[in-house]
Amino acid sequence: MRLRAISIGLLGTSALAASEGGGGASLIQPELGTIFWTTITFLVLVVLLGRFAWKPLLGALEQREKSIQATIDGARTDREQAEALLRQQRELLEQARRERSEALSAGQRDAEKLKAEILAEARAQREQLLKQTEAQVQAGMRQARAELRELAADLAIQAAGKLLERNLDAATQKRLVEDYLRDLERSGSGSPTS
């Protein structure tokens, strides 16, 4: 379609040149009036474009350049801030990991210390309980011995009394001592001996 429009434009130009009567040669030969007016038109056009078109266009381009530069600077600043925040977050994360590790270590140390304290306290209580039990056993044994001595003394006194009542020969005395020992064994079988 574009090719058709160009070809129609060329045909129209060649037809116009042919109708002016000079053929196509008048376009190629310069005329002084045409050059003068073309130069004046060009200069007026340059002045008008410079005054009304170039300044606003250049101002718009400068404004666009400043806007792009400001966007680039803002993006660079945002990137630097993001990197700083990322570094800060990483440092905080590392610090949190260190603190967690230290807290775990401290917790383990405290648990070991508490375990040792509990074991030491349990041992001390066991020792105290053993000493109390041993003291009670010793007191019971002393009391049993005292009772046994008292009983033995009573029996000895009774036996001596019987011996004194009877002034007997050696065989009878031997039999009395054996009876006494049997009585002593019978009465002592219910009490603990040492």
C-alpha atoms as a PDB file:
ATOM      1  CA  MET A   1       0.000   0.000   0.000  1.00  0.00           C
ATOM      2  CA  ARG A   2       2.842   2.331   0.831  1.00  0.00           C
ATOM      3  CA  LEU A   3       4.601   1.440  -2.388  1.00  0.00           C
ATOM      4  CA  ARG A   4       1.461   2.332  -4.341  1.00  0.00           C
ATOM      5  CA  ALA A   5       1.294   5.792  -2.665  1.00  0.00           C
ATOM      6  CA  ILE A   6       4.956   6.504  -3.478  1.00  0.00           C
ATOM      7  CA  SER A   7       4.527   5.465  -7.067  1.00  0.00           C
ATOM      8  CA  ILE A   8       1.416   7.683  -7.402  1.00  0.00           C
ATOM      9  CA  GLY A   9       3.361  10.628  -5.899  1.00  0.00           C
ATOM     10  CA  LEU A  10       6.236  10.143  -8.378  1.00  0.00           C
ATOM     11  CA  LEU A  11       3.854   9.961 -11.315  1.00  0.00           C
ATOM     12  CA  GLY A  12       2.134  13.148 -10.126  1.00  0.00           C
ATOM     13  CA  THR A  13       5.468  14.985  -9.843  1.00  0.00           C
ATOM     14  CA  SER A  14       6.622  13.895 -13.280  1.00  0.00           C
ATOM     15  CA  ALA A  15       3.266  14.915 -14.732  1.00  0.00           C
ATOM     16  CA  LEU A  16       3.521  18.359 -13.090  1.00  0.00           C
ATOM     17  CA  ALA A  17       7.020  18.859 -14.417  1.00  0.00           C
ATOM     18  CA  ALA A  18       5.912  17.898 -17.902  1.00  0.00           C
ATOM     19  CA  SER A  19       2.965  20.253 -17.779  1.00  0.00           C
ATOM     20  CA  GLU A  20       5.160  23.253 -16.838  1.00  0.00           C
ATOM     21  CA  GLY A  21       6.807  22.896 -20.098  1.00  0.00           C
ATOM     22  CA  GLY A  22      10.406  22.554 -19.329  1.00  0.00           C
ATOM     23  CA  GLY A  23      10.529  18.896 -18.712  1.00  0.00           C
ATOM     24  CA  GLY A  24      12.368  17.549 -15.746  1.00  0.00           C
ATOM     25  CA  ALA A  25      15.426  19.743 -16.240  1.00  0.00           C
ATOM     26  CA  SER A  26      14.107  22.851 -14.417  1.00  0.00           C
ATOM     27  CA  LEU A  27      14.235  21.063 -11.086  1.00  0.00           C
ATOM     28  CA  ILE A  28      17.886  20.266 -11.445  1.00  0.00           C
ATOM     29  CA  GLN A  29      19.013  23.723 -12.544  1.00  0.00           C
ATOM     30  CA  PRO A  30      19.295  26.156  -9.655  1.00  0.00           C
ATOM     31  CA  GLU A  31      17.545  29.460  -9.828  1.00  0.00           C
ATOM     32  CA  LEU A  32      18.684  32.361  -7.693  1.00  0.00           C
ATOM     33  CA  GLY A  33      15.250  33.328  -6.432  1.00  0.00           C
ATOM     34  CA  THR A  34      14.432  29.800  -5.409  1.00  0.00           C
ATOM     35  CA  ILE A  35      17.721  29.481  -3.523  1.00  0.00           C
ATOM     36  CA  PHE A  36      17.162  32.840  -1.754  1.00  0.00           C
ATOM     37  CA  TRP A  37      13.644  32.069  -0.644  1.00  0.00           C
ATOM     38  CA  THR A  38      14.595  28.502   0.354  1.00  0.00           C
ATOM     39  CA  THR A  39      17.432  29.869   2.520  1.00  0.00           C
ATOM     40  CA  ILE A  40      15.185  32.524   4.126  1.00  0.00           C
ATOM     41  CA  THR A  41      12.496  29.921   4.755  1.00  0.00           C
ATOM     42  CA  PHE A  42      15.066  27.558   6.260  1.00  0.00           C
ATOM     43  CA  LEU A  43      16.491  30.268   8.547  1.00  0.00           C
ATOM     44  CA  VAL A  44      13.043  31.387   9.705  1.00  0.00           C
ATOM     45  CA  LEU A  45      12.164  27.769  10.335  1.00  0.00           C
ATOM     46  CA  VAL A  46      15.388  27.245  12.355  1.00  0.00           C
ATOM     47  CA  VAL A  47      14.725  30.392  14.436  1.00  0.00           C
ATOM     48  CA  LEU A  48      11.105  29.408  15.079  1.00  0.00           C
ATOM     49  CA  LEU A  49      12.062  25.821  15.913  1.00  0.00           C
ATOM     50  CA  GLY A  50      14.904  27.037  18.154  1.00  0.00           C
ATOM     51  CA  ARG A  51      12.637  29.406  19.993  1.00  0.00           C
ATOM     52  CA  PHE A  52       9.452  27.362  20.271  1.00  0.00           C
ATOM     53  CA  ALA A  53      10.396  23.726  19.710  1.00  0.00           C
ATOM     54  CA  TRP A  54      14.047  23.051  20.635  1.00  0.00           C
ATOM     55  CA  LYS A  55      14.014  24.713  24.043  1.00  0.00           C
ATOM     56  CA  PRO A  56      10.921  22.825  25.270  1.00  0.00           C
ATOM     57  CA  LEU A  57      12.213  19.609  23.696  1.00  0.00           C
ATOM     58  CA  LEU A  58      15.640  20.041  25.313  1.00  0.00           C
ATOM     59  CA  GLY A  59      13.986  21.003  28.632  1.00  0.00           C
ATOM     60  CA  ALA A  60      11.786  17.905  28.460  1.00  0.00           C
ATOM     61  CA  LEU A  61      14.841  15.770  27.644  1.00  0.00           C
ATOM     62  CA  GLU A  62      16.782  17.282  30.542  1.00  0.00           C
ATOM     63  CA  GLN A  63      13.821  16.758  32.836  1.00  0.00           C
ATOM     64  CA  ARG A  64      13.533  13.155  31.650  1.00  0.00           C
ATOM     65  CA  GLU A  65      17.281  12.650  32.133  1.00  0.00           C
ATOM     66  CA  LYS A  66      17.078  14.069  35.677  1.00  0.00           C
ATOM     67  CA  SER A  67      14.072  11.881  36.426  1.00  0.00           C
ATOM     68  CA  ILE A  68      15.892   8.771  35.174  1.00  0.00           C
ATOM     69  CA  GLN A  69      19.024   9.733  37.134  1.00  0.00           C
ATOM     70  CA  ALA A  70      16.931  10.305  40.269  1.00  0.00           C
ATOM     71  CA  THR A  71      15.285   6.897  39.769  1.00  0.00           C
ATOM     72  CA  ILE A  72      18.696   5.261  39.333  1.00  0.00           C
ATOM     73  CA  ASP A  73      20.035   7.031  42.424  1.00  0.00           C
ATOM     74  CA  GLY A  74      16.936   6.040  44.399  1.00  0.00           C
ATOM     75  CA  ALA A  75      17.279   2.441  43.247  1.00  0.00           C
ATOM     76  CA  ARG A  76      20.966   2.462  44.212  1.00  0.00           C
ATOM     77  CA  THR A  77      20.110   3.919  47.635  1.00  0.00           C
ATOM     78  CA  ASP A  78      17.314   1.377  48.098  1.00  0.00           C
ATOM     79  CA  ARG A  79      19.677  -1.421  47.105  1.00  0.00           C
ATOM     80  CA  GLU A  80      22.323  -0.218  49.576  1.00  0.00           C
ATOM     81  CA  GLN A  81      19.700   0.032  52.311  1.00  0.00           C
ATOM     82  CA  ALA A  82      18.428  -3.455  51.474  1.00  0.00           C
ATOM     83  CA  GLU A  83      21.975  -4.824  51.601  1.00  0.00           C
ATOM     84  CA  ALA A  84      22.554  -3.085  54.937  1.00  0.00           C
ATOM     85  CA  LEU A  85      19.293  -4.530  56.290  1.00  0.00           C
ATOM     86  CA  LEU A  86      20.255  -7.957  54.977  1.00  0.00           C
ATOM     87  CA  ARG A  87      23.654  -7.721  56.712  1.00  0.00           C
ATOM     88  CA  GLN A  88      21.945  -6.554  59.891  1.00  0.00           C
ATOM     89  CA  GLN A  89      19.437  -9.421  59.721  1.00  0.00           C
ATOM     90  CA  ARG A  90      22.254 -11.911  59.196  1.00  0.00           C
ATOM     91  CA  GLU A  91      24.156 -10.470  62.169  1.00  0.00           C
ATOM     92  CA  LEU A  92      21.015 -10.647  64.318  1.00  0.00           C
ATOM     93  CA  LEU A  93      20.414 -14.226  63.207  1.00  0.00           C
ATOM     94  CA  GLU A  94      24.004 -15.175  64.011  1.00  0.00           C
ATOM     95  CA  GLN A  95      23.760 -13.431  67.376  1.00  0.00           C
ATOM     96  CA  ALA A  96      20.505 -15.272  68.123  1.00  0.00           C
ATOM     97  CA  ARG A  97      22.192 -18.562  67.231  1.00  0.00           C
ATOM     98  CA  ARG A  98      25.131 -17.761  69.526  1.00  0.00           C
ATOM     99  CA  GLU A  99      22.794 -16.766  72.355  1.00  0.00           C
ATOM    100  CA  ARG A 100      20.759 -19.952  71.884  1.00  0.00           C
ATOM    101  CA  SER A 101      23.934 -22.029  71.944  1.00  0.00           C
ATOM    102  CA  GLU A 102      25.144 -20.227  75.066  1.00  0.00           C
ATOM    103  CA  ALA A 103      21.736 -20.670  76.722  1.00  0.00           C
ATOM    104  CA  LEU A 104      21.782 -24.392  75.928  1.00  0.00           C
ATOM    105  CA  SER A 105      25.308 -24.707  77.303  1.00  0.00           C
ATOM    106  CA  ALA A 106      24.357 -22.751  80.418  1.00  0.00           C
ATOM    107  CA  GLY A 107      21.256 -24.913  80.834  1.00  0.00           C
ATOM    108  CA  GLN A 108      23.326 -28.078  80.575  1.00  0.00           C
ATOM    109  CA  ARG A 109      25.854 -26.735  83.071  1.00  0.00           C
ATOM    110  CA  ASP A 110      23.060 -25.740  85.456  1.00  0.00           C
ATOM    111  CA  ALA A 111      21.423 -29.151  85.051  1.00  0.00           C
ATOM    112  CA  GLU A 112      24.716 -30.921  85.796  1.00  0.00           C
ATOM    113  CA  LYS A 113      25.304 -28.672  88.799  1.00  0.00           C
ATOM    114  CA  LEU A 114      21.757 -29.286  90.084  1.00  0.00           C
ATOM    115  CA  LYS A 115      22.191 -33.025  89.538  1.00  0.00           C
ATOM    116  CA  ALA A 116      25.454 -32.981  91.510  1.00  0.00           C
ATOM    117  CA  GLU A 117      23.817 -30.950  94.312  1.00  0.00           C
ATOM    118  CA  ILE A 118      20.845 -33.334  94.490  1.00  0.00           C
ATOM    119  CA  LEU A 119      23.156 -36.363  94.551  1.00  0.00           C
ATOM    120  CA  ALA A 120      25.316 -34.782  97.261  1.00  0.00           C
ATOM    121  CA  GLU A 121      22.228 -33.939  99.324  1.00  0.00           C
ATOM    122  CA  ALA A 122      20.870 -37.480  98.873  1.00  0.00           C
ATOM    123  CA  ARG A 123      24.208 -38.947  99.974  1.00  0.00           C
ATOM    124  CA  ALA A 124      24.287 -36.662 103.005  1.00  0.00           C
ATOM    125  CA  GLN A 125      20.730 -37.634 103.941  1.00  0.00           C
ATOM    126  CA  ARG A 126      21.569 -41.324 103.475  1.00  0.00           C
ATOM    127  CA  GLU A 127      24.648 -40.980 105.668  1.00  0.00           C
ATOM    128  CA  GLN A 128      22.643 -39.146 108.311  1.00  0.00           C
ATOM    129  CA  LEU A 129      19.901 -41.785 108.170  1.00  0.00           C
ATOM    130  CA  LEU A 130      22.497 -44.560 108.440  1.00  0.00           C
ATOM    131  CA  LYS A 131      24.073 -42.848 111.458  1.00  0.00           C
ATOM    132  CA  GLN A 132      20.677 -42.420 113.111  1.00  0.00           C
ATOM    133  CA  THR A 133      19.780 -46.048 112.418  1.00  0.00           C
ATOM    134  CA  GLU A 134      23.145 -47.224 113.704  1.00  0.00           C
ATOM    135  CA  ALA A 135      22.733 -45.078 116.831  1.00  0.00           C
ATOM    136  CA  GLN A 136      19.263 -46.550 117.398  1.00  0.00           C
ATOM    137  CA  VAL A 137      20.584 -50.078 116.908  1.00  0.00           C
ATOM    138  CA  GLN A 138      23.468 -49.396 119.301  1.00  0.00           C
ATOM    139  CA  ALA A 139      21.078 -47.931 121.873  1.00  0.00           C
ATOM    140  CA  GLY A 140      18.813 -50.977 121.503  1.00  0.00           C
ATOM    141  CA  MET A 141      21.748 -53.321 121.907  1.00  0.00           C
ATOM    142  CA  ARG A 142      22.964 -51.452 124.999  1.00  0.00           C
ATOM    143  CA  GLN A 143      19.497 -51.633 126.489  1.00  0.00           C
ATOM    144  CA  ALA A 144      19.237 -55.346 125.669  1.00  0.00           C
ATOM    145  CA  ARG A 145      22.654 -55.994 127.222  1.00  0.00           C
ATOM    146  CA  ALA A 146      21.684 -54.056 130.324  1.00  0.00           C
ATOM    147  CA  GLU A 147      18.470 -56.042 130.615  1.00  0.00           C
ATOM    148  CA  LEU A 148      20.383 -59.275 130.030  1.00  0.00           C
ATOM    149  CA  ARG A 149      22.916 -58.357 132.714  1.00  0.00           C
ATOM    150  CA  GLU A 150      20.141 -57.510 135.112  1.00  0.00           C
ATOM    151  CA  LEU A 151      18.422 -60.791 134.365  1.00  0.00           C
ATOM    152  CA  ALA A 152      21.696 -62.696 134.681  1.00  0.00           C
ATOM    153  CA  ALA A 153      22.429 -60.980 137.976  1.00  0.00           C
ATOM    154  CA  ASP A 154      18.953 -61.885 139.272  1.00  0.00           C
ATOM    155  CA  LEU A 155      19.419 -65.459 138.195  1.00  0.00           C
ATOM    156  CA  ALA A 156      22.886 -65.583 139.734  1.00  0.00           C
ATOM    157  CA  ILE A 157      21.530 -64.211 142.965  1.00  0.00           C
ATOM    158  CA  GLN A 158      18.732 -66.784 142.920  1.00  0.00           C
ATOM    159  CA  ALA A 159      21.192 -69.560 142.167  1.00  0.00           C
ATOM    160  CA  ALA A 160      23.529 -68.392 144.879  1.00  0.00           C
ATOM    161  CA  GLY A 161      20.603 -68.263 147.264  1.00  0.00           C
ATOM    162  CA  LYS A 162      19.659 -71.818 146.382  1.00  0.00           C
ATOM    163  CA  LEU A 163      23.258 -72.907 146.799  1.00  0.00           C
ATOM    164  CA  LEU A 164      23.450 -71.274 150.135  1.00  0.00           C
ATOM    165  CA  GLU A 165      20.198 -72.882 151.234  1.00  0.00           C
ATOM    166  CA  ARG A 166      21.562 -76.191 150.326  1.00  0.00           C
ATOM    167  CA  ASN A 167      24.928 -77.015 151.324  1.00  0.00           C
ATOM    168  CA  LEU A 168      25.300 -79.976 149.129  1.00  0.00           C
ATOM    169  CA  ASP A 169      27.979 -82.142 147.825  1.00  0.00           C
ATOM    170  CA  ALA A 170      29.843 -81.554 144.519  1.00  0.00           C
ATOM    171  CA  ALA A 171      27.480 -83.667 142.360  1.00  0.00           C
ATOM    172  CA  THR A 172      24.439 -81.794 143.561  1.00  0.00           C
ATOM    173  CA  GLN A 173      26.180 -78.459 143.066  1.00  0.00           C
ATOM    174  CA  LYS A 174      27.102 -79.517 139.516  1.00  0.00           C
ATOM    175  CA  ARG A 175      23.492 -80.461 138.812  1.00  0.00           C
ATOM    176  CA  LEU A 176      22.291 -77.115 140.236  1.00  0.00           C
ATOM    177  CA  VAL A 177      24.698 -75.169 138.011  1.00  0.00           C
ATOM    178  CA  GLU A 178      23.519 -77.136 134.948  1.00  0.00           C
ATOM    179  CA  ASP A 179      19.890 -76.431 135.882  1.00  0.00           C
ATOM    180  CA  TYR A 180      20.758 -72.785 136.309  1.00  0.00           C
ATOM    181  CA  LEU A 181      22.438 -72.675 132.889  1.00  0.00           C
ATOM    182  CA  ARG A 182      19.372 -74.346 131.309  1.00  0.00           C
ATOM    183  CA  ASP A 183      17.120 -71.773 132.984  1.00  0.00           C
ATOM    184  CA  LEU A 184      19.428 -69.053 131.757  1.00  0.00           C
ATOM    185  CA  GLU A 185      19.263 -70.408 128.205  1.00  0.00           C
ATOM    186  CA  ARG A 186      15.459 -70.620 128.319  1.00  0.00           C
ATOM    187  CA  SER A 187      15.065 -67.091 129.637  1.00  0.00           C
ATOM    188  CA  GLY A 188      17.783 -65.716 127.281  1.00  0.00           C
ATOM    189  CA  SER A 189      16.334 -67.267 124.098  1.00  0.00           C
ATOM    190  CA  GLY A 190      13.735 -64.457 123.896  1.00  0.00           C
ATOM    191  CA  SER A 191      16.407 -61.665 124.173  1.00  0.00           C
ATOM    192  CA  PRO A 192      19.227 -60.929 121.752  1.00  0.00           C
ATOM    193  CA  THR A 193      22.768 -61.727 122.932  1.00  0.00           C
ATOM    194  CA  SER A 194      26.070 -60.230 121.893  1.00  0.00           C
END
